[in-house]
PDB file of all heavy atoms in Angstrom:
ATOM      1  N   THR A   1       0.822  -1.212   0.000  1.00  0.00           N
ATOM      2  CA  THR A   1       0.000   0.000   0.000  1.00  0.00           C
ATOM      3  C   THR A   1       0.853   1.257   0.000  1.00  0.00           C
ATOM      4  O   THR A   1       0.581   2.215  -0.737  1.00  0.00           O
ATOM      5  CB  THR A   1      -0.932   0.013   1.228  1.00  0.00           C
ATOM      6  OG1 THR A   1      -1.690  -1.193   1.270  1.00  0.00           O
ATOM      7  CG2 THR A   1      -1.899   1.192   1.167  1.00  0.00           C
ATOM      8  N   MET A   2       1.895   1.252   0.808  1.00  0.00           N
ATOM      9  CA  MET A   2       2.772   2.414   0.894  1.00  0.00           C
ATOM     10  C   MET A   2       3.440   2.701  -0.449  1.00  0.00           C
ATOM     11  O   MET A   2       3.572   3.858  -0.865  1.00  0.00           O
ATOM     12  CB  MET A   2       3.834   2.188   1.968  1.00  0.00           C
ATOM     13  CG  MET A   2       4.750   3.376   2.226  1.00  0.00           C
ATOM     14  SD  MET A   2       3.913   4.753   3.047  1.00  0.00           S
ATOM     15  CE  MET A   2       3.953   4.191   4.768  1.00  0.00           C
ATOM     16  N   ALA A   3       3.840   1.647  -1.154  1.00  0.00           N
ATOM     17  CA  ALA A   3       4.568   1.815  -2.412  1.00  0.00           C
ATOM     18  C   ALA A   3       3.683   2.309  -3.544  1.00  0.00           C
ATOM     19  O   ALA A   3       4.186   2.863  -4.526  1.00  0.00           O
ATOM     20  CB  ALA A   3       5.217   0.492  -2.806  1.00  0.00           C
ATOM     21  N   THR A   4       2.366   2.104  -3.425  1.00  0.00           N
ATOM     22  CA  THR A   4       1.478   2.396  -4.559  1.00  0.00           C
ATOM     23  C   THR A   4       0.449   3.475  -4.267  1.00  0.00           C
ATOM     24  O   THR A   4      -0.398   3.760  -5.119  1.00  0.00           O
ATOM     25  CB  THR A   4       0.736   1.118  -4.979  1.00  0.00           C
ATOM     26  OG1 THR A   4      -0.040   0.625  -3.863  1.00  0.00           O
ATOM     27  CG2 THR A   4       1.712   0.037  -5.413  1.00  0.00           C
ATOM     28  N   GLN A   5       0.499   4.103  -3.096  1.00  0.00           N
ATOM     29  CA  GLN A   5      -0.585   4.996  -2.659  1.00  0.00           C
ATOM     30  C   GLN A   5      -0.882   6.141  -3.615  1.00  0.00           C
ATOM     31  O   GLN A   5      -2.032   6.574  -3.722  1.00  0.00           O
ATOM     32  CB  GLN A   5      -0.275   5.564  -1.271  1.00  0.00           C
ATOM     33  CG  GLN A   5       1.017   6.354  -1.205  1.00  0.00           C
ATOM     34  CD  GLN A   5       1.302   6.848   0.194  1.00  0.00           C
ATOM     35  OE1 GLN A   5       0.594   7.690   0.713  1.00  0.00           O
ATOM     36  NE2 GLN A   5       2.334   6.308   0.812  1.00  0.00           N
ATOM     37  N   ASP A   6       0.125   6.658  -4.327  1.00  0.00           N
ATOM     38  CA  ASP A   6      -0.150   7.782  -5.225  1.00  0.00           C
ATOM     39  C   ASP A   6       0.386   7.569  -6.640  1.00  0.00           C
ATOM     40  O   ASP A   6       0.606   8.534  -7.382  1.00  0.00           O
ATOM     41  CB  ASP A   6       0.407   9.081  -4.646  1.00  0.00           C
ATOM     42  CG  ASP A   6       1.904   9.007  -4.335  1.00  0.00           C
ATOM     43  OD1 ASP A   6       2.497   7.949  -4.625  1.00  0.00           O
ATOM     44  OD2 ASP A   6       2.453   9.983  -3.809  1.00  0.00           O
ATOM     45  N   LEU A   7       0.562   6.307  -7.029  1.00  0.00           N
ATOM     46  CA  LEU A   7       0.966   6.032  -8.412  1.00  0.00           C
ATOM     47  C   LEU A   7      -0.208   6.334  -9.349  1.00  0.00           C
ATOM     48  O   LEU A   7      -1.339   5.895  -9.090  1.00  0.00           O
ATOM     49  CB  LEU A   7       1.407   4.577  -8.564  1.00  0.00           C
ATOM     50  CG  LEU A   7       2.759   4.209  -7.932  1.00  0.00           C
ATOM     51  CD1 LEU A   7       3.060   2.742  -8.149  1.00  0.00           C
ATOM     52  CD2 LEU A   7       3.890   5.066  -8.503  1.00  0.00           C
ATOM     53  N   PRO A   8       0.029   7.048 -10.429  1.00  0.00           N
ATOM     54  CA  PRO A   8      -1.084   7.500 -11.270  1.00  0.00           C
ATOM     55  C   PRO A   8      -1.696   6.429 -12.162  1.00  0.00           C
ATOM     56  O   PRO A   8      -2.879   6.477 -12.457  1.00  0.00           O
ATOM     57  CB  PRO A   8      -0.443   8.611 -12.117  1.00  0.00           C
ATOM     58  CG  PRO A   8       1.012   8.248 -12.171  1.00  0.00           C
ATOM     59  CD  PRO A   8       1.326   7.610 -10.850  1.00  0.00           C
ATOM     60  N   LEU A   9      -0.911   5.471 -12.622  1.00  0.00           N
ATOM     61  CA  LEU A   9      -1.412   4.464 -13.545  1.00  0.00           C
ATOM     62  C   LEU A   9      -1.809   3.193 -12.797  1.00  0.00           C
ATOM     63  O   LEU A   9      -1.008   2.613 -12.057  1.00  0.00           O
ATOM     64  CB  LEU A   9      -0.354   4.139 -14.600  1.00  0.00           C
ATOM     65  CG  LEU A   9       0.028   5.290 -15.538  1.00  0.00           C
ATOM     66  CD1 LEU A   9       1.142   4.842 -16.473  1.00  0.00           C
ATOM     67  CD2 LEU A   9      -1.176   5.774 -16.326  1.00  0.00           C
ATOM     68  N   TYR A  10      -3.041   2.747 -13.009  1.00  0.00           N
ATOM     69  CA  TYR A  10      -3.563   1.579 -12.296  1.00  0.00           C
ATOM     70  C   TYR A  10      -2.708   0.341 -12.551  1.00  0.00           C
ATOM     71  O   TYR A  10      -2.363  -0.390 -11.616  1.00  0.00           O
ATOM     72  CB  TYR A  10      -4.999   1.320 -12.742  1.00  0.00           C
ATOM     73  CG  TYR A  10      -5.634   0.109 -12.110  1.00  0.00           C
ATOM     74  CD1 TYR A  10      -6.128   0.158 -10.808  1.00  0.00           C
ATOM     75  CD2 TYR A  10      -5.753  -1.095 -12.813  1.00  0.00           C
ATOM     76  CE1 TYR A  10      -6.719  -0.951 -10.226  1.00  0.00           C
ATOM     77  CE2 TYR A  10      -6.335  -2.204 -12.242  1.00  0.00           C
ATOM     78  CZ  TYR A  10      -6.814  -2.133 -10.943  1.00  0.00           C
ATOM     79  OH  TYR A  10      -7.384  -3.238 -10.369  1.00  0.00           O
ATOM     80  N   SER A  11      -2.350   0.094 -13.807  1.00  0.00           N
ATOM     81  CA  SER A  11      -1.589  -1.109 -14.135  1.00  0.00           C
ATOM     82  C   SER A  11      -0.198  -1.087 -13.508  1.00  0.00           C
ATOM     83  O   SER A  11       0.297  -2.117 -13.033  1.00  0.00           O
ATOM     84  CB  SER A  11      -1.480  -1.267 -15.655  1.00  0.00           C
ATOM     85  OG  SER A  11      -0.898  -0.124 -16.240  1.00  0.00           O
ATOM     86  N   VAL A  12       0.418   0.074 -13.479  1.00  0.00           N
ATOM     87  CA  VAL A  12       1.742   0.191 -12.855  1.00  0.00           C
ATOM     88  C   VAL A  12       1.630  -0.028 -11.352  1.00  0.00           C
ATOM     89  O   VAL A  12       2.464  -0.716 -10.746  1.00  0.00           O
ATOM     90  CB  VAL A  12       2.369   1.565 -13.163  1.00  0.00           C
ATOM     91  CG1 VAL A  12       3.661   1.753 -12.377  1.00  0.00           C
ATOM     92  CG2 VAL A  12       2.630   1.706 -14.656  1.00  0.00           C
ATOM     93  N   ALA A  13       0.594   0.546 -10.754  1.00  0.00           N
ATOM     94  CA  ALA A  13       0.392   0.378  -9.316  1.00  0.00           C
ATOM     95  C   ALA A  13       0.200  -1.092  -8.956  1.00  0.00           C
ATOM     96  O   ALA A  13       0.746  -1.586  -7.962  1.00  0.00           O
ATOM     97  CB  ALA A  13      -0.817   1.195  -8.859  1.00  0.00           C
ATOM     98  N   LYS A  14      -0.571  -1.828  -9.773  1.00  0.00           N
ATOM     99  CA  LYS A  14      -0.785  -3.251  -9.515  1.00  0.00           C
ATOM    100  C   LYS A  14       0.507  -4.037  -9.646  1.00  0.00           C
ATOM    101  O   LYS A  14       0.777  -4.948  -8.856  1.00  0.00           O
ATOM    102  CB  LYS A  14      -1.839  -3.802 -10.477  1.00  0.00           C
ATOM    103  CG  LYS A  14      -3.224  -3.226 -10.304  1.00  0.00           C
ATOM    104  CD  LYS A  14      -3.839  -3.568  -8.970  1.00  0.00           C
ATOM    105  CE  LYS A  14      -4.317  -4.989  -8.920  1.00  0.00           C
ATOM    106  NZ  LYS A  14      -5.032  -5.303  -7.646  1.00  0.00           N
ATOM    107  N   LEU A  15       1.323  -3.681 -10.627  1.00  0.00           N
ATOM    108  CA  LEU A  15       2.592  -4.371 -10.830  1.00  0.00           C
ATOM    109  C   LEU A  15       3.526  -4.150  -9.650  1.00  0.00           C
ATOM    110  O   LEU A  15       4.136  -5.098  -9.134  1.00  0.00           O
ATOM    111  CB  LEU A  15       3.250  -3.884 -12.122  1.00  0.00           C
ATOM    112  CG  LEU A  15       4.590  -4.534 -12.490  1.00  0.00           C
ATOM    113  CD1 LEU A  15       4.416  -6.024 -12.730  1.00  0.00           C
ATOM    114  CD2 LEU A  15       5.180  -3.867 -13.739  1.00  0.00           C
ATOM    115  N   VAL A  16       3.629  -2.916  -9.184  1.00  0.00           N
ATOM    116  CA  VAL A  16       4.491  -2.604  -8.040  1.00  0.00           C
ATOM    117  C   VAL A  16       3.953  -3.287  -6.779  1.00  0.00           C
ATOM    118  O   VAL A  16       4.709  -3.869  -5.993  1.00  0.00           O
ATOM    119  CB  VAL A  16       4.588  -1.082  -7.831  1.00  0.00           C
ATOM    120  CG1 VAL A  16       5.328  -0.756  -6.533  1.00  0.00           C
ATOM    121  CG2 VAL A  16       5.285  -0.424  -9.017  1.00  0.00           C
ATOM    122  N   SER A  17       2.640  -3.229  -6.588  1.00  0.00           N
ATOM    123  CA  SER A  17       2.026  -3.863  -5.417  1.00  0.00           C
ATOM    124  C   SER A  17       2.312  -5.361  -5.400  1.00  0.00           C
ATOM    125  O   SER A  17       2.673  -5.930  -4.362  1.00  0.00           O
ATOM    126  CB  SER A  17       0.515  -3.619  -5.436  1.00  0.00           C
ATOM    127  OG  SER A  17      -0.118  -4.257  -4.352  1.00  0.00           O
ATOM    128  N   GLY A  18       2.167  -6.005  -6.569  1.00  0.00           N
ATOM    129  CA  GLY A  18       2.435  -7.441  -6.647  1.00  0.00           C
ATOM    130  C   GLY A  18       3.871  -7.778  -6.337  1.00  0.00           C
ATOM    131  O   GLY A  18       4.157  -8.756  -5.638  1.00  0.00           O
ATOM    132  N   ALA A  19       4.808  -6.961  -6.839  1.00  0.00           N
ATOM    133  CA  ALA A  19       6.228  -7.218  -6.605  1.00  0.00           C
ATOM    134  C   ALA A  19       6.578  -7.090  -5.123  1.00  0.00           C
ATOM    135  O   ALA A  19       7.353  -7.884  -4.585  1.00  0.00           O
ATOM    136  CB  ALA A  19       7.072  -6.253  -7.436  1.00  0.00           C
ATOM    137  N   VAL A  20       5.991  -6.094  -4.458  1.00  0.00           N
ATOM    138  CA  VAL A  20       6.287  -5.879  -3.034  1.00  0.00           C
ATOM    139  C   VAL A  20       5.625  -6.945  -2.172  1.00  0.00           C
ATOM    140  O   VAL A  20       6.232  -7.491  -1.234  1.00  0.00           O
ATOM    141  CB  VAL A  20       5.825  -4.474  -2.594  1.00  0.00           C
ATOM    142  CG1 VAL A  20       5.985  -4.297  -1.084  1.00  0.00           C
ATOM    143  CG2 VAL A  20       6.610  -3.394  -3.340  1.00  0.00           C
ATOM    144  N   PHE A  21       4.371  -7.283  -2.491  1.00  0.00           N
ATOM    145  CA  PHE A  21       3.620  -8.212  -1.646  1.00  0.00           C
ATOM    146  C   PHE A  21       4.238  -9.606  -1.612  1.00  0.00           C
ATOM    147  O   PHE A  21       4.048 -10.344  -0.640  1.00  0.00           O
ATOM    148  CB  PHE A  21       2.166  -8.295  -2.137  1.00  0.00           C
ATOM    149  CG  PHE A  21       1.273  -9.095  -1.243  1.00  0.00           C
ATOM    150  CD1 PHE A  21       0.770  -8.545  -0.076  1.00  0.00           C
ATOM    151  CD2 PHE A  21       0.946 -10.408  -1.554  1.00  0.00           C
ATOM    152  CE1 PHE A  21      -0.048  -9.287   0.767  1.00  0.00           C
ATOM    153  CE2 PHE A  21       0.128 -11.155  -0.727  1.00  0.00           C
ATOM    154  CZ  PHE A  21      -0.367 -10.584   0.443  1.00  0.00           C
ATOM    155  N   THR A  22       4.978  -9.984  -2.647  1.00  0.00           N
ATOM    156  CA  THR A  22       5.581 -11.313  -2.682  1.00  0.00           C
ATOM    157  C   THR A  22       6.505 -11.581  -1.496  1.00  0.00           C
ATOM    158  O   THR A  22       6.710 -12.735  -1.107  1.00  0.00           O
ATOM    159  CB  THR A  22       6.399 -11.517  -3.968  1.00  0.00           C
ATOM    160  OG1 THR A  22       7.454 -10.560  -4.018  1.00  0.00           O
ATOM    161  CG2 THR A  22       5.541 -11.364  -5.200  1.00  0.00           C
ATOM    162  N   VAL A  23       7.039 -10.505  -0.902  1.00  0.00           N
ATOM    163  CA  VAL A  23       7.957 -10.673   0.225  1.00  0.00           C
ATOM    164  C   VAL A  23       7.266 -11.388   1.384  1.00  0.00           C
ATOM    165  O   VAL A  23       7.909 -12.107   2.158  1.00  0.00           O
ATOM    166  CB  VAL A  23       8.511  -9.305   0.676  1.00  0.00           C
ATOM    167  CG1 VAL A  23       9.444  -9.456   1.874  1.00  0.00           C
ATOM    168  CG2 VAL A  23       9.237  -8.619  -0.475  1.00  0.00           C
ATOM    169  N   GLY A  24       5.960 -11.225   1.504  1.00  0.00           N
ATOM    170  CA  GLY A  24       5.229 -11.867   2.592  1.00  0.00           C
ATOM    171  C   GLY A  24       5.382 -13.372   2.591  1.00  0.00           C
ATOM    172  O   GLY A  24       5.722 -13.989   3.604  1.00  0.00           O
ATOM    173  N   LEU A  25       5.139 -14.001   1.425  1.00  0.00           N
ATOM    174  CA  LEU A  25       5.268 -15.466   1.365  1.00  0.00           C
ATOM    175  C   LEU A  25       6.718 -15.898   1.496  1.00  0.00           C
ATOM    176  O   LEU A  25       7.005 -16.955   2.063  1.00  0.00           O
ATOM    177  CB  LEU A  25       4.669 -16.016   0.071  1.00  0.00           C
ATOM    178  CG  LEU A  25       4.598 -17.547   0.029  1.00  0.00           C
ATOM    179  CD1 LEU A  25       3.616 -18.067   1.079  1.00  0.00           C
ATOM    180  CD2 LEU A  25       4.195 -18.058  -1.355  1.00  0.00           C
ATOM    181  N   MET A  26       7.638 -15.087   0.995  1.00  0.00           N
ATOM    182  CA  MET A  26       9.058 -15.413   1.164  1.00  0.00           C
ATOM    183  C   MET A  26       9.410 -15.504   2.645  1.00  0.00           C
ATOM    184  O   MET A  26      10.102 -16.432   3.080  1.00  0.00           O
ATOM    185  CB  MET A  26       9.929 -14.351   0.486  1.00  0.00           C
ATOM    186  CG  MET A  26       9.814 -14.313  -1.025  1.00  0.00           C
ATOM    187  SD  MET A  26      10.782 -12.938  -1.693  1.00  0.00           S
ATOM    188  CE  MET A  26      10.096 -12.809  -3.346  1.00  0.00           C
ATOM    189  N   MET A  27       8.948 -14.544   3.434  1.00  0.00           N
ATOM    190  CA  MET A  27       9.234 -14.556   4.874  1.00  0.00           C
ATOM    191  C   MET A  27       8.590 -15.756   5.553  1.00  0.00           C
ATOM    192  O   MET A  27       9.176 -16.357   6.456  1.00  0.00           O
ATOM    193  CB  MET A  27       8.763 -13.242   5.512  1.00  0.00           C
ATOM    194  CG  MET A  27       9.565 -12.037   5.081  1.00  0.00           C
ATOM    195  SD  MET A  27       9.219 -10.522   6.027  1.00  0.00           S
ATOM    196  CE  MET A  27       7.561 -10.131   5.486  1.00  0.00           C
ATOM    197  N   VAL A  28       7.385 -16.109   5.110  1.00  0.00           N
ATOM    198  CA  VAL A  28       6.698 -17.264   5.686  1.00  0.00           C
ATOM    199  C   VAL A  28       7.449 -18.555   5.375  1.00  0.00           C
ATOM    200  O   VAL A  28       7.718 -19.373   6.269  1.00  0.00           O
ATOM    201  CB  VAL A  28       5.254 -17.351   5.166  1.00  0.00           C
ATOM    202  CG1 VAL A  28       4.626 -18.698   5.535  1.00  0.00           C
ATOM    203  CG2 VAL A  28       4.406 -16.221   5.726  1.00  0.00           C
ATOM    204  N   MET A  29       7.800 -18.758   4.105  1.00  0.00           N
ATOM    205  CA  MET A  29       8.364 -20.028   3.674  1.00  0.00           C
ATOM    206  C   MET A  29       9.838 -20.180   4.047  1.00  0.00           C
ATOM    207  O   MET A  29      10.285 -21.282   4.375  1.00  0.00           O
ATOM    208  CB  MET A  29       8.199 -20.183   2.158  1.00  0.00           C
ATOM    209  CG  MET A  29       6.756 -20.242   1.694  1.00  0.00           C
ATOM    210  SD  MET A  29       5.819 -21.627   2.395  1.00  0.00           S
ATOM    211  CE  MET A  29       6.668 -23.032   1.674  1.00  0.00           C
ATOM    212  N   ILE A  30      10.602 -19.099   3.979  1.00  0.00           N
ATOM    213  CA  ILE A  30      12.031 -19.193   4.276  1.00  0.00           C
ATOM    214  C   ILE A  30      12.297 -18.963   5.758  1.00  0.00           C
ATOM    215  O   ILE A  30      13.105 -19.663   6.375  1.00  0.00           O
ATOM    216  CB  ILE A  30      12.827 -18.185   3.415  1.00  0.00           C
ATOM    217  CG1 ILE A  30      12.640 -18.509   1.936  1.00  0.00           C
ATOM    218  CG2 ILE A  30      14.312 -18.216   3.773  1.00  0.00           C
ATOM    219  CD1 ILE A  30      13.205 -17.473   0.984  1.00  0.00           C
TER     220      ILE A  30
END
């Protein structure tokens, strides 16, 4: 949310959000 709060393009915001959110499962699994 912090990384995408004011990104103007929806598709770019989704891409950045997806890239950042992946860290969650990495922390869980590793």
